[in-house]
């Protein structure tokens, strides 16, 4: 009986100490800078989302903070060590000067929310 209790306790202890694999989202860049661009135009950009974790990464939603930005993703579920291409367009209509916008990526990761910052300076 004593050996059985030690065996059960050991199994519980070992299973609680092992790390559980989780998905991890990594962007190829946290900031995308268009630099100096012209007004009344549409500019295209992209970044790569990589799952560096051990379980599938599920993108729940992608939300730009401005109606001037459109986003598309090549796949919403990313397997471990795989990638997905995120394309976005930035419209400069009725905008001038320094611009700082964000794309919010919500996923099944520990931090839940990830941001891509988009910068530009729109010349007149």
PDB file of N, CA and C in Angstrom:
ATOM      1  N   UNK A   1       0.810  -1.188   0.000  1.00  0.00           N
ATOM      2  CA  UNK A   1       0.000   0.000   0.000  1.00  0.00           C
ATOM      3  C   UNK A   1       0.858   1.257   0.000  1.00  0.00           C
ATOM      4  N   UNK A   2       1.945   1.222   0.789  1.00  0.00           N
ATOM      5  CA  UNK A   2       2.851   2.353   0.889  1.00  0.00           C
ATOM      6  C   UNK A   2       3.484   2.658  -0.462  1.00  0.00           C
ATOM      7  N   UNK A   3       3.909   1.629  -1.186  1.00  0.00           N
ATOM      8  CA  UNK A   3       4.515   1.811  -2.508  1.00  0.00           C
ATOM      9  C   UNK A   3       3.507   2.385  -3.507  1.00  0.00           C
ATOM     10  N   UNK A   4       2.270   1.957  -3.407  1.00  0.00           N
ATOM     11  CA  UNK A   4       1.229   2.457  -4.296  1.00  0.00           C
ATOM     12  C   UNK A   4       0.998   3.954  -4.066  1.00  0.00           C
ATOM     13  N   UNK A   5       0.977   4.374  -2.808  1.00  0.00           N
ATOM     14  CA  UNK A   5       0.807   5.789  -2.501  1.00  0.00           C
ATOM     15  C   UNK A   5       1.984   6.613  -3.024  1.00  0.00           C
ATOM     16  N   UNK A   6       3.184   6.103  -2.859  1.00  0.00           N
ATOM     17  CA  UNK A   6       4.365   6.809  -3.363  1.00  0.00           C
ATOM     18  C   UNK A   6       4.319   6.893  -4.892  1.00  0.00           C
ATOM     19  N   UNK A   7       3.912   5.831  -5.548  1.00  0.00           N
ATOM     20  CA  UNK A   7       3.804   5.826  -7.008  1.00  0.00           C
ATOM     21  C   UNK A   7       2.768   6.842  -7.484  1.00  0.00           C
ATOM     22  N   UNK A   8       1.596   6.854  -6.869  1.00  0.00           N
ATOM     23  CA  UNK A   8       0.544   7.806  -7.256  1.00  0.00           C
ATOM     24  C   UNK A   8       1.023   9.235  -6.999  1.00  0.00           C
ATOM     25  N   UNK A   9       1.617   9.498  -5.852  1.00  0.00           N
ATOM     26  CA  UNK A   9       2.124  10.825  -5.532  1.00  0.00           C
ATOM     27  C   UNK A   9       3.201  11.253  -6.526  1.00  0.00           C
ATOM     28  N   UNK A  10       4.082  10.348  -6.900  1.00  0.00           N
ATOM     29  CA  UNK A  10       5.143  10.655  -7.859  1.00  0.00           C
ATOM     30  C   UNK A  10       4.576  11.004  -9.237  1.00  0.00           C
ATOM     31  N   UNK A  11       3.581  10.264  -9.667  1.00  0.00           N
ATOM     32  CA  UNK A  11       2.959  10.538 -10.970  1.00  0.00           C
ATOM     33  C   UNK A  11       2.300  11.913 -10.961  1.00  0.00           C
ATOM     34  N   UNK A  12       1.583  12.231  -9.883  1.00  0.00           N
ATOM     35  CA  UNK A  12       0.928  13.540  -9.777  1.00  0.00           C
ATOM     36  C   UNK A  12       1.975  14.650  -9.768  1.00  0.00           C
ATOM     37  N   UNK A  13       3.039  14.476  -9.028  1.00  0.00           N
ATOM     38  CA  UNK A  13       4.094  15.478  -8.936  1.00  0.00           C
ATOM     39  C   UNK A  13       4.778  15.684 -10.283  1.00  0.00           C
ATOM     40  N   UNK A  14       5.098  14.627 -10.972  1.00  0.00           N
ATOM     41  CA  UNK A  14       5.771  14.724 -12.277  1.00  0.00           C
ATOM     42  C   UNK A  14       4.858  15.376 -13.309  1.00  0.00           C
ATOM     43  N   UNK A  15       3.589  14.985 -13.315  1.00  0.00           N
ATOM     44  CA  UNK A  15       2.670  15.558 -14.311  1.00  0.00           C
ATOM     45  C   UNK A  15       2.416  17.026 -14.042  1.00  0.00           C
ATOM     46  N   UNK A  16       2.462  17.478 -12.798  1.00  0.00           N
ATOM     47  CA  UNK A  16       2.244  18.892 -12.507  1.00  0.00           C
ATOM     48  C   UNK A  16       3.479  19.729 -12.807  1.00  0.00           C
ATOM     49  N   UNK A  17       4.645  19.116 -12.852  1.00  0.00           N
ATOM     50  CA  UNK A  17       5.880  19.846 -13.123  1.00  0.00           C
ATOM     51  C   UNK A  17       6.181  19.999 -14.606  1.00  0.00           C
ATOM     52  N   UNK A  18       5.612  19.156 -15.429  1.00  0.00           N
ATOM     53  CA  UNK A  18       5.892  19.255 -16.856  1.00  0.00           C
ATOM     54  C   UNK A  18       5.170  20.454 -17.427  1.00  0.00           C
ATOM     55  N   UNK A  19       5.860  21.196 -18.293  1.00  0.00           N
ATOM     56  CA  UNK A  19       5.251  22.387 -18.878  1.00  0.00           C
ATOM     57  C   UNK A  19       4.264  21.989 -19.963  1.00  0.00           C
ATOM     58  N   UNK A  20       3.165  22.677 -19.994  1.00  0.00           N
ATOM     59  CA  UNK A  20       2.166  22.432 -21.023  1.00  0.00           C
ATOM     60  C   UNK A  20       2.468  23.358 -22.183  1.00  0.00           C
ATOM     61  N   UNK A  21       2.573  22.779 -23.359  1.00  0.00           N
ATOM     62  CA  UNK A  21       2.873  23.558 -24.550  1.00  0.00           C
ATOM     63  C   UNK A  21       1.721  24.505 -24.847  1.00  0.00           C
ATOM     64  N   UNK A  22       2.074  25.706 -25.248  1.00  0.00           N
ATOM     65  CA  UNK A  22       1.078  26.709 -25.602  1.00  0.00           C
ATOM     66  C   UNK A  22       1.478  27.351 -26.924  1.00  0.00           C
ATOM     67  N   UNK A  23       0.523  27.912 -27.643  1.00  0.00           N
ATOM     68  CA  UNK A  23       0.880  28.637 -28.854  1.00  0.00           C
ATOM     69  C   UNK A  23       1.543  29.965 -28.493  1.00  0.00           C
ATOM     70  N   UNK A  24       2.452  30.410 -29.345  1.00  0.00           N
ATOM     71  CA  UNK A  24       3.107  31.702 -29.160  1.00  0.00           C
ATOM     72  C   UNK A  24       3.111  32.437 -30.489  1.00  0.00           C
ATOM     73  N   UNK A  25       2.616  33.663 -30.483  1.00  0.00           N
ATOM     74  CA  UNK A  25       2.535  34.475 -31.698  1.00  0.00           C
ATOM     75  C   UNK A  25       3.736  35.401 -31.779  1.00  0.00           C
ATOM     76  N   UNK A  26       4.419  35.361 -32.917  1.00  0.00           N
ATOM     77  CA  UNK A  26       5.539  36.265 -33.187  1.00  0.00           C
ATOM     78  C   UNK A  26       5.284  36.956 -34.523  1.00  0.00           C
ATOM     79  N   UNK A  27       5.421  38.264 -34.533  1.00  0.00           N
ATOM     80  CA  UNK A  27       5.319  39.031 -35.776  1.00  0.00           C
ATOM     81  C   UNK A  27       6.713  39.242 -36.341  1.00  0.00           C
ATOM     82  N   UNK A  28       6.824  39.246 -37.668  1.00  0.00           N
ATOM     83  CA  UNK A  28       8.140  39.498 -38.267  1.00  0.00           C
ATOM     84  C   UNK A  28       8.610  40.917 -37.953  1.00  0.00           C
ATOM     85  N   UNK A  29       7.671  41.830 -37.675  1.00  0.00           N
ATOM     86  CA  UNK A  29       7.987  43.187 -37.222  1.00  0.00           C
ATOM     87  C   UNK A  29       6.811  43.697 -36.403  1.00  0.00           C
ATOM     88  N   UNK A  30       7.089  44.381 -35.303  1.00  0.00           N
ATOM     89  CA  UNK A  30       6.036  44.962 -34.480  1.00  0.00           C
ATOM     90  C   UNK A  30       5.600  46.332 -35.006  1.00  0.00           C
ATOM     91  N   UNK A  31       6.468  46.948 -35.814  1.00  0.00           N
ATOM     92  CA  UNK A  31       6.188  48.267 -36.381  1.00  0.00           C
ATOM     93  C   UNK A  31       6.413  48.210 -37.885  1.00  0.00           C
ATOM     94  N   UNK A  32       5.446  48.707 -38.645  1.00  0.00           N
ATOM     95  CA  UNK A  32       5.575  48.815 -40.095  1.00  0.00           C
ATOM     96  C   UNK A  32       5.543  50.303 -40.424  1.00  0.00           C
ATOM     97  N   UNK A  33       6.621  50.802 -41.017  1.00  0.00           N
ATOM     98  CA  UNK A  33       6.744  52.230 -41.318  1.00  0.00           C
ATOM     99  C   UNK A  33       6.710  52.442 -42.826  1.00  0.00           C
ATOM    100  N   UNK A  34       5.658  53.113 -43.294  1.00  0.00           N
ATOM    101  CA  UNK A  34       5.572  53.441 -44.717  1.00  0.00           C
ATOM    102  C   UNK A  34       6.506  54.595 -45.095  1.00  0.00           C
ATOM    103  N   UNK A  35       6.980  55.333 -44.096  1.00  0.00           N
ATOM    104  CA  UNK A  35       7.833  56.488 -44.378  1.00  0.00           C
ATOM    105  C   UNK A  35       6.988  57.651 -44.883  1.00  0.00           C
ATOM    106  N   UNK A  36       7.587  58.483 -45.764  1.00  0.00           N
ATOM    107  CA  UNK A  36       6.874  59.619 -46.353  1.00  0.00           C
ATOM    108  C   UNK A  36       6.063  59.132 -47.546  1.00  0.00           C
ATOM    109  N   UNK A  37       4.751  59.377 -47.492  1.00  0.00           N
ATOM    110  CA  UNK A  37       3.871  58.924 -48.566  1.00  0.00           C
ATOM    111  C   UNK A  37       2.942  60.071 -48.973  1.00  0.00           C
ATOM    112  N   UNK A  38       2.228  59.879 -50.058  1.00  0.00           N
ATOM    113  CA  UNK A  38       1.375  60.934 -50.609  1.00  0.00           C
ATOM    114  C   UNK A  38      -0.073  60.748 -50.183  1.00  0.00           C
ATOM    115  N   UNK A  39      -0.794  61.861 -50.116  1.00  0.00           N
ATOM    116  CA  UNK A  39      -2.217  61.819 -49.759  1.00  0.00           C
ATOM    117  C   UNK A  39      -3.032  61.252 -50.914  1.00  0.00           C
ATOM    118  N   UNK A  40      -4.257  60.883 -50.603  1.00  0.00           N
ATOM    119  CA  UNK A  40      -5.232  60.389 -51.578  1.00  0.00           C
ATOM    120  C   UNK A  40      -4.725  59.175 -52.360  1.00  0.00           C
ATOM    121  N   UNK A  41      -4.085  58.252 -51.641  1.00  0.00           N
ATOM    122  CA  UNK A  41      -3.558  57.029 -52.252  1.00  0.00           C
ATOM    123  C   UNK A  41      -3.828  55.838 -51.331  1.00  0.00           C
ATOM    124  N   UNK A  42      -3.597  54.648 -51.862  1.00  0.00           N
ATOM    125  CA  UNK A  42      -3.706  53.419 -51.071  1.00  0.00           C
ATOM    126  C   UNK A  42      -2.350  52.722 -51.117  1.00  0.00           C
ATOM    127  N   UNK A  43      -1.815  52.401 -49.946  1.00  0.00           N
ATOM    128  CA  UNK A  43      -0.517  51.749 -49.845  1.00  0.00           C
ATOM    129  C   UNK A  43      -0.700  50.346 -49.265  1.00  0.00           C
ATOM    130  N   UNK A  44       0.087  49.412 -49.752  1.00  0.00           N
ATOM    131  CA  UNK A  44       0.012  48.016 -49.326  1.00  0.00           C
ATOM    132  C   UNK A  44       1.216  47.664 -48.445  1.00  0.00           C
ATOM    133  N   UNK A  45       0.976  46.836 -47.442  1.00  0.00           N
ATOM    134  CA  UNK A  45       2.045  46.335 -46.588  1.00  0.00           C
ATOM    135  C   UNK A  45       1.733  44.910 -46.170  1.00  0.00           C
ATOM    136  N   UNK A  46       2.706  44.255 -45.557  1.00  0.00           N
ATOM    137  CA  UNK A  46       2.478  42.897 -45.064  1.00  0.00           C
ATOM    138  C   UNK A  46       3.469  42.583 -43.946  1.00  0.00           C
ATOM    139  N   UNK A  47       3.086  41.609 -43.161  1.00  0.00           N
ATOM    140  CA  UNK A  47       3.956  41.079 -42.120  1.00  0.00           C
ATOM    141  C   UNK A  47       3.654  39.589 -41.987  1.00  0.00           C
ATOM    142  N   UNK A  48       4.551  38.872 -41.381  1.00  0.00           N
ATOM    143  CA  UNK A  48       4.378  37.427 -41.205  1.00  0.00           C
ATOM    144  C   UNK A  48       4.095  37.137 -39.740  1.00  0.00           C
ATOM    145  N   UNK A  49       3.073  36.327 -39.514  1.00  0.00           N
ATOM    146  CA  UNK A  49       2.761  35.837 -38.171  1.00  0.00           C
ATOM    147  C   UNK A  49       3.280  34.410 -38.084  1.00  0.00           C
ATOM    148  N   UNK A  50       4.087  34.140 -37.056  1.00  0.00           N
ATOM    149  CA  UNK A  50       4.644  32.796 -36.871  1.00  0.00           C
ATOM    150  C   UNK A  50       4.215  32.251 -35.517  1.00  0.00           C
ATOM    151  N   UNK A  51       3.885  30.964 -35.495  1.00  0.00           N
ATOM    152  CA  UNK A  51       3.584  30.271 -34.253  1.00  0.00           C
ATOM    153  C   UNK A  51       4.866  29.593 -33.777  1.00  0.00           C
ATOM    154  N   UNK A  52       5.485  30.140 -32.741  1.00  0.00           N
ATOM    155  CA  UNK A  52       6.714  29.560 -32.199  1.00  0.00           C
ATOM    156  C   UNK A  52       6.430  28.642 -31.010  1.00  0.00           C
ATOM    157  N   UNK A  53       5.152  28.392 -30.732  1.00  0.00           N
ATOM    158  CA  UNK A  53       4.771  27.524 -29.622  1.00  0.00           C
ATOM    159  C   UNK A  53       4.613  26.079 -30.062  1.00  0.00           C
ATOM    160  N   UNK A  54       4.059  25.278 -29.166  1.00  0.00           N
ATOM    161  CA  UNK A  54       3.951  23.847 -29.408  1.00  0.00           C
ATOM    162  C   UNK A  54       2.560  23.344 -29.755  1.00  0.00           C
ATOM    163  N   UNK A  55       1.553  24.214 -29.744  1.00  0.00           N
ATOM    164  CA  UNK A  55       0.190  23.824 -30.109  1.00  0.00           C
ATOM    165  C   UNK A  55      -0.342  24.809 -31.140  1.00  0.00           C
ATOM    166  N   UNK A  56      -1.424  24.465 -31.839  1.00  0.00           N
ATOM    167  CA  UNK A  56      -1.945  25.358 -32.879  1.00  0.00           C
ATOM    168  C   UNK A  56      -2.334  26.736 -32.341  1.00  0.00           C
ATOM    169  N   UNK A  57      -1.966  27.747 -33.101  1.00  0.00           N
ATOM    170  CA  UNK A  57      -2.311  29.134 -32.816  1.00  0.00           C
ATOM    171  C   UNK A  57      -3.585  29.462 -33.584  1.00  0.00           C
ATOM    172  N   UNK A  58      -4.590  29.943 -32.876  1.00  0.00           N
ATOM    173  CA  UNK A  58      -5.863  30.279 -33.502  1.00  0.00           C
ATOM    174  C   UNK A  58      -6.055  31.793 -33.414  1.00  0.00           C
ATOM    175  N   UNK A  59      -6.126  32.433 -34.575  1.00  0.00           N
ATOM    176  CA  UNK A  59      -6.394  33.865 -34.624  1.00  0.00           C
ATOM    177  C   UNK A  59      -7.910  34.025 -34.515  1.00  0.00           C
ATOM    178  N   UNK A  60      -8.357  34.645 -33.453  1.00  0.00           N
ATOM    179  CA  UNK A  60      -9.794  34.804 -33.236  1.00  0.00           C
ATOM    180  C   UNK A  60     -10.353  35.992 -34.002  1.00  0.00           C
ATOM    181  N   UNK A  61      -9.587  37.084 -34.059  1.00  0.00           N
ATOM    182  CA  UNK A  61     -10.014  38.241 -34.840  1.00  0.00           C
ATOM    183  C   UNK A  61      -8.835  39.171 -35.100  1.00  0.00           C
ATOM    184  N   UNK A  62      -8.985  39.968 -36.139  1.00  0.00           N
ATOM    185  CA  UNK A  62      -8.008  41.001 -36.490  1.00  0.00           C
ATOM    186  C   UNK A  62      -8.797  42.291 -36.648  1.00  0.00           C
ATOM    187  N   UNK A  63      -8.447  43.294 -35.846  1.00  0.00           N
ATOM    188  CA  UNK A  63      -9.217  44.522 -35.829  1.00  0.00           C
ATOM    189  C   UNK A  63      -8.312  45.742 -35.991  1.00  0.00           C
ATOM    190  N   UNK A  64      -8.390  46.413 -37.146  1.00  0.00           N
ATOM    191  CA  UNK A  64      -7.665  47.673 -37.287  1.00  0.00           C
ATOM    192  C   UNK A  64      -8.371  48.760 -36.474  1.00  0.00           C
ATOM    193  N   UNK A  65      -7.605  49.734 -35.980  1.00  0.00           N
ATOM    194  CA  UNK A  65      -8.211  50.787 -35.157  1.00  0.00           C
ATOM    195  C   UNK A  65      -8.804  51.919 -35.983  1.00  0.00           C
ATOM    196  N   UNK A  66      -8.710  51.819 -37.308  1.00  0.00           N
ATOM    197  CA  UNK A  66      -9.164  52.900 -38.171  1.00  0.00           C
ATOM    198  C   UNK A  66      -9.810  52.307 -39.419  1.00  0.00           C
ATOM    199  N   UNK A  67     -10.844  52.954 -39.910  1.00  0.00           N
ATOM    200  CA  UNK A  67     -11.483  52.511 -41.141  1.00  0.00           C
ATOM    201  C   UNK A  67     -10.597  52.703 -42.365  1.00  0.00           C
ATOM    202  N   UNK A  68      -9.466  53.375 -42.187  1.00  0.00           N
ATOM    203  CA  UNK A  68      -8.524  53.599 -43.287  1.00  0.00           C
ATOM    204  C   UNK A  68      -7.636  52.385 -43.540  1.00  0.00           C
ATOM    205  N   UNK A  69      -7.756  51.350 -42.714  1.00  0.00           N
ATOM    206  CA  UNK A  69      -6.906  50.166 -42.835  1.00  0.00           C
ATOM    207  C   UNK A  69      -7.762  48.923 -43.050  1.00  0.00           C
ATOM    208  N   UNK A  70      -7.425  48.153 -44.080  1.00  0.00           N
ATOM    209  CA  UNK A  70      -8.069  46.864 -44.342  1.00  0.00           C
ATOM    210  C   UNK A  70      -7.030  45.768 -44.148  1.00  0.00           C
ATOM    211  N   UNK A  71      -7.458  44.630 -43.602  1.00  0.00           N
ATOM    212  CA  UNK A  71      -6.531  43.539 -43.270  1.00  0.00           C
ATOM    213  C   UNK A  71      -7.065  42.221 -43.800  1.00  0.00           C
ATOM    214  N   UNK A  72      -6.153  41.371 -44.305  1.00  0.00           N
ATOM    215  CA  UNK A  72      -6.503  39.996 -44.666  1.00  0.00           C
ATOM    216  C   UNK A  72      -5.391  39.072 -44.185  1.00  0.00           C
ATOM    217  N   UNK A  73      -5.778  37.844 -43.867  1.00  0.00           N
ATOM    218  CA  UNK A  73      -4.837  36.858 -43.350  1.00  0.00           C
ATOM    219  C   UNK A  73      -4.945  35.597 -44.181  1.00  0.00           C
ATOM    220  N   UNK A  74      -3.801  34.993 -44.523  1.00  0.00           N
ATOM    221  CA  UNK A  74      -3.817  33.809 -45.382  1.00  0.00           C
ATOM    222  C   UNK A  74      -4.424  32.589 -44.685  1.00  0.00           C
ATOM    223  N   UNK A  75      -4.278  32.479 -43.356  1.00  0.00           N
ATOM    224  CA  UNK A  75      -4.931  31.401 -42.599  1.00  0.00           C
ATOM    225  C   UNK A  75      -5.096  31.827 -41.153  1.00  0.00           C
ATOM    226  N   UNK A  76      -6.197  31.396 -40.567  1.00  0.00           N
ATOM    227  CA  UNK A  76      -6.541  31.794 -39.201  1.00  0.00           C
ATOM    228  C   UNK A  76      -6.031  30.807 -38.148  1.00  0.00           C
ATOM    229  N   UNK A  77      -5.704  29.578 -38.547  1.00  0.00           N
ATOM    230  CA  UNK A  77      -5.112  28.593 -37.645  1.00  0.00           C
ATOM    231  C   UNK A  77      -3.709  28.297 -38.145  1.00  0.00           C
ATOM    232  N   UNK A  78      -2.729  28.476 -37.253  1.00  0.00           N
ATOM    233  CA  UNK A  78      -1.325  28.320 -37.621  1.00  0.00           C
ATOM    234  C   UNK A  78      -0.732  27.206 -36.758  1.00  0.00           C
ATOM    235  N   UNK A  79      -0.259  26.168 -37.397  1.00  0.00           N
ATOM    236  CA  UNK A  79       0.340  25.039 -36.682  1.00  0.00           C
ATOM    237  C   UNK A  79       1.697  25.438 -36.108  1.00  0.00           C
ATOM    238  N   UNK A  80       2.221  24.671 -35.138  1.00  0.00           N
ATOM    239  CA  UNK A  80       3.538  24.994 -34.570  1.00  0.00           C
ATOM    240  C   UNK A  80       4.614  25.109 -35.654  1.00  0.00           C
ATOM    241  N   UNK A  81       5.433  26.139 -35.550  1.00  0.00           N
ATOM    242  CA  UNK A  81       6.533  26.459 -36.471  1.00  0.00           C
ATOM    243  C   UNK A  81       6.059  26.805 -37.879  1.00  0.00           C
ATOM    244  N   UNK A  82       4.784  27.093 -38.036  1.00  0.00           N
ATOM    245  CA  UNK A  82       4.252  27.497 -39.344  1.00  0.00           C
ATOM    246  C   UNK A  82       3.974  28.996 -39.318  1.00  0.00           C
ATOM    247  N   UNK A  83       3.658  29.559 -40.488  1.00  0.00           N
ATOM    248  CA  UNK A  83       3.433  30.992 -40.612  1.00  0.00           C
ATOM    249  C   UNK A  83       2.144  31.284 -41.370  1.00  0.00           C
ATOM    250  N   UNK A  84       1.711  32.523 -41.252  1.00  0.00           N
ATOM    251  CA  UNK A  84       0.574  33.035 -42.007  1.00  0.00           C
ATOM    252  C   UNK A  84       0.932  34.456 -42.441  1.00  0.00           C
ATOM    253  N   UNK A  85       0.594  34.805 -43.665  1.00  0.00           N
ATOM    254  CA  UNK A  85       0.887  36.133 -44.194  1.00  0.00           C
ATOM    255  C   UNK A  85      -0.287  37.062 -43.906  1.00  0.00           C
ATOM    256  N   UNK A  86      -0.001  38.189 -43.273  1.00  0.00           N
ATOM    257  CA  UNK A  86      -1.016  39.194 -43.026  1.00  0.00           C
ATOM    258  C   UNK A  86      -0.761  40.372 -43.956  1.00  0.00           C
ATOM    259  N   UNK A  87      -1.678  40.608 -44.892  1.00  0.00           N
ATOM    260  CA  UNK A  87      -1.608  41.742 -45.805  1.00  0.00           C
ATOM    261  C   UNK A  87      -2.523  42.842 -45.293  1.00  0.00           C
ATOM    262  N   UNK A  88      -2.120  44.089 -45.495  1.00  0.00           N
ATOM    263  CA  UNK A  88      -2.971  45.201 -45.096  1.00  0.00           C
ATOM    264  C   UNK A  88      -2.797  46.344 -46.082  1.00  0.00           C
ATOM    265  N   UNK A  89      -3.850  47.153 -46.184  1.00  0.00           N
ATOM    266  CA  UNK A  89      -3.788  48.345 -47.022  1.00  0.00           C
ATOM    267  C   UNK A  89      -4.106  49.549 -46.149  1.00  0.00           C
ATOM    268  N   UNK A  90      -3.461  50.660 -46.469  1.00  0.00           N
ATOM    269  CA  UNK A  90      -3.596  51.901 -45.708  1.00  0.00           C
ATOM    270  C   UNK A  90      -4.012  52.996 -46.673  1.00  0.00           C
ATOM    271  N   UNK A  91      -5.178  53.583 -46.418  1.00  0.00           N
ATOM    272  CA  UNK A  91      -5.726  54.628 -47.294  1.00  0.00           C
ATOM    273  C   UNK A  91      -5.411  55.993 -46.696  1.00  0.00           C
ATOM    274  N   UNK A  92      -4.864  56.875 -47.511  1.00  0.00           N
ATOM    275  CA  UNK A  92      -4.438  58.188 -47.028  1.00  0.00           C
ATOM    276  C   UNK A  92      -5.424  59.303 -47.362  1.00  0.00           C
ATOM    277  N   UNK A  93      -6.619  58.966 -47.794  1.00  0.00           N
ATOM    278  CA  UNK A  93      -7.615  59.974 -48.143  1.00  0.00           C
ATOM    279  C   UNK A  93      -7.986  60.810 -46.917  1.00  0.00           C
ATOM    280  N   UNK A  94      -7.967  62.141 -47.098  1.00  0.00           N
ATOM    281  CA  UNK A  94      -8.314  63.092 -46.034  1.00  0.00           C
ATOM    282  C   UNK A  94      -7.402  62.987 -44.812  1.00  0.00           C
ATOM    283  N   UNK A  95      -6.164  62.591 -45.011  1.00  0.00           N
ATOM    284  CA  UNK A  95      -5.208  62.500 -43.908  1.00  0.00           C
ATOM    285  C   UNK A  95      -3.965  63.312 -44.260  1.00  0.00           C
ATOM    286  N   UNK A  96      -3.360  63.925 -43.231  1.00  0.00           N
ATOM    287  CA  UNK A  96      -2.163  64.731 -43.433  1.00  0.00           C
ATOM    288  C   UNK A  96      -1.234  64.559 -42.236  1.00  0.00           C
ATOM    289  N   UNK A  97       0.046  64.680 -42.495  1.00  0.00           N
ATOM    290  CA  UNK A  97       1.023  64.666 -41.413  1.00  0.00           C
ATOM    291  C   UNK A  97       1.295  63.277 -40.864  1.00  0.00           C
ATOM    292  N   UNK A  98       1.781  63.274 -39.613  1.00  0.00           N
ATOM    293  CA  UNK A  98       2.190  62.020 -38.965  1.00  0.00           C
ATOM    294  C   UNK A  98       0.959  61.182 -38.629  1.00  0.00           C
ATOM    295  N   UNK A  99       1.026  59.892 -38.980  1.00  0.00           N
ATOM    296  CA  UNK A  99      -0.049  58.942 -38.704  1.00  0.00           C
ATOM    297  C   UNK A  99       0.512  57.759 -37.918  1.00  0.00           C
ATOM    298  N   UNK A 100      -0.250  57.335 -36.920  1.00  0.00           N
ATOM    299  CA  UNK A 100       0.121  56.158 -36.129  1.00  0.00           C
ATOM    300  C   UNK A 100      -1.159  55.353 -35.903  1.00  0.00           C
ATOM    301  N   UNK A 101      -1.253  54.217 -36.543  1.00  0.00           N
ATOM    302  CA  UNK A 101      -2.427  53.359 -36.438  1.00  0.00           C
ATOM    303  C   UNK A 101      -1.995  51.976 -35.954  1.00  0.00           C
ATOM    304  N   UNK A 102      -2.986  51.199 -35.515  1.00  0.00           N
ATOM    305  CA  UNK A 102      -2.691  49.874 -34.971  1.00  0.00           C
ATOM    306  C   UNK A 102      -3.621  48.828 -35.565  1.00  0.00           C
ATOM    307  N   UNK A 103      -3.081  47.622 -35.697  1.00  0.00           N
ATOM    308  CA  UNK A 103      -3.876  46.448 -36.017  1.00  0.00           C
ATOM    309  C   UNK A 103      -3.788  45.539 -34.800  1.00  0.00           C
ATOM    310  N   UNK A 104      -4.947  45.213 -34.238  1.00  0.00           N
ATOM    311  CA  UNK A 104      -5.027  44.384 -33.038  1.00  0.00           C
ATOM    312  C   UNK A 104      -5.304  42.938 -33.461  1.00  0.00           C
ATOM    313  N   UNK A 105      -4.449  42.031 -33.030  1.00  0.00           N
ATOM    314  CA  UNK A 105      -4.594  40.607 -33.334  1.00  0.00           C
ATOM    315  C   UNK A 105      -4.970  39.905 -32.035  1.00  0.00           C
ATOM    316  N   UNK A 106      -6.130  39.260 -32.027  1.00  0.00           N
ATOM    317  CA  UNK A 106      -6.591  38.545 -30.840  1.00  0.00           C
ATOM    318  C   UNK A 106      -6.458  37.055 -31.117  1.00  0.00           C
ATOM    319  N   UNK A 107      -5.723  36.364 -30.233  1.00  0.00           N
ATOM    320  CA  UNK A 107      -5.421  34.952 -30.458  1.00  0.00           C
ATOM    321  C   UNK A 107      -5.484  34.178 -29.143  1.00  0.00           C
ATOM    322  N   UNK A 108      -5.346  32.874 -29.239  1.00  0.00           N
ATOM    323  CA  UNK A 108      -5.404  31.990 -28.070  1.00  0.00           C
ATOM    324  C   UNK A 108      -4.037  31.860 -27.392  1.00  0.00           C
ATOM    325  N   UNK A 109      -3.370  32.972 -27.175  1.00  0.00           N
ATOM    326  CA  UNK A 109      -2.065  32.991 -26.514  1.00  0.00           C
ATOM    327  C   UNK A 109      -2.213  33.550 -25.107  1.00  0.00           C
ATOM    328  N   UNK A 110      -1.145  33.469 -24.318  1.00  0.00           N
ATOM    329  CA  UNK A 110      -1.194  33.986 -22.956  1.00  0.00           C
ATOM    330  C   UNK A 110      -1.509  35.481 -22.918  1.00  0.00           C
ATOM    331  N   UNK A 111      -0.901  36.260 -23.830  1.00  0.00           N
ATOM    332  CA  UNK A 111      -1.133  37.698 -23.803  1.00  0.00           C
ATOM    333  C   UNK A 111      -2.413  38.108 -24.523  1.00  0.00           C
ATOM    334  N   UNK A 112      -3.071  37.209 -25.200  1.00  0.00           N
ATOM    335  CA  UNK A 112      -4.369  37.392 -25.846  1.00  0.00           C
ATOM    336  C   UNK A 112      -4.377  38.447 -26.946  1.00  0.00           C
ATOM    337  N   UNK A 113      -3.787  39.631 -26.717  1.00  0.00           N
ATOM    338  CA  UNK A 113      -3.803  40.712 -27.706  1.00  0.00           C
ATOM    339  C   UNK A 113      -2.379  41.032 -28.142  1.00  0.00           C
ATOM    340  N   UNK A 114      -2.220  41.155 -29.460  1.00  0.00           N
ATOM    341  CA  UNK A 114      -0.931  41.531 -30.049  1.00  0.00           C
ATOM    342  C   UNK A 114      -1.177  42.707 -30.981  1.00  0.00           C
ATOM    343  N   UNK A 115      -0.226  43.636 -31.053  1.00  0.00           N
ATOM    344  CA  UNK A 115      -0.405  44.838 -31.858  1.00  0.00           C
ATOM    345  C   UNK A 115       0.663  44.971 -32.931  1.00  0.00           C
ATOM    346  N   UNK A 116       0.220  45.391 -34.112  1.00  0.00           N
ATOM    347  CA  UNK A 116       1.128  45.831 -35.168  1.00  0.00           C
ATOM    348  C   UNK A 116       0.895  47.318 -35.312  1.00  0.00           C
ATOM    349  N   UNK A 117       1.951  48.100 -35.126  1.00  0.00           N
ATOM    350  CA  UNK A 117       1.863  49.549 -35.265  1.00  0.00           C
ATOM    351  C   UNK A 117       2.206  49.929 -36.703  1.00  0.00           C
ATOM    352  N   UNK A 118       1.375  50.793 -37.290  1.00  0.00           N
ATOM    353  CA  UNK A 118       1.606  51.274 -38.650  1.00  0.00           C
ATOM    354  C   UNK A 118       1.888  52.768 -38.585  1.00  0.00           C
ATOM    355  N   UNK A 119       3.048  53.172 -39.080  1.00  0.00           N
ATOM    356  CA  UNK A 119       3.436  54.578 -39.084  1.00  0.00           C
ATOM    357  C   UNK A 119       3.551  55.086 -40.508  1.00  0.00           C
ATOM    358  N   UNK A 120       3.266  56.387 -40.671  1.00  0.00           N
ATOM    359  CA  UNK A 120       3.439  57.035 -41.967  1.00  0.00           C
ATOM    360  C   UNK A 120       3.454  58.537 -41.756  1.00  0.00           C
ATOM    361  N   UNK A 121       4.072  59.215 -42.683  1.00  0.00           N
ATOM    362  CA  UNK A 121       3.988  60.670 -42.721  1.00  0.00           C
ATOM    363  C   UNK A 121       3.420  61.034 -44.081  1.00  0.00           C
ATOM    364  N   UNK A 122       2.224  61.615 -44.067  1.00  0.00           N
ATOM    365  CA  UNK A 122       1.522  61.907 -45.322  1.00  0.00           C
ATOM    366  C   UNK A 122       1.815  63.342 -45.727  1.00  0.00           C
ATOM    367  N   UNK A 123       2.473  63.461 -46.873  1.00  0.00           N
ATOM    368  CA  UNK A 123       2.827  64.778 -47.412  1.00  0.00           C
ATOM    369  C   UNK A 123       1.665  65.345 -48.213  1.00  0.00           C
ATOM    370  N   UNK A 124       1.567  66.664 -48.214  1.00  0.00           N
ATOM    371  CA  UNK A 124       0.498  67.311 -48.991  1.00  0.00           C
ATOM    372  C   UNK A 124       0.873  67.420 -50.442  1.00  0.00           C
TER     373      UNK A 124
END
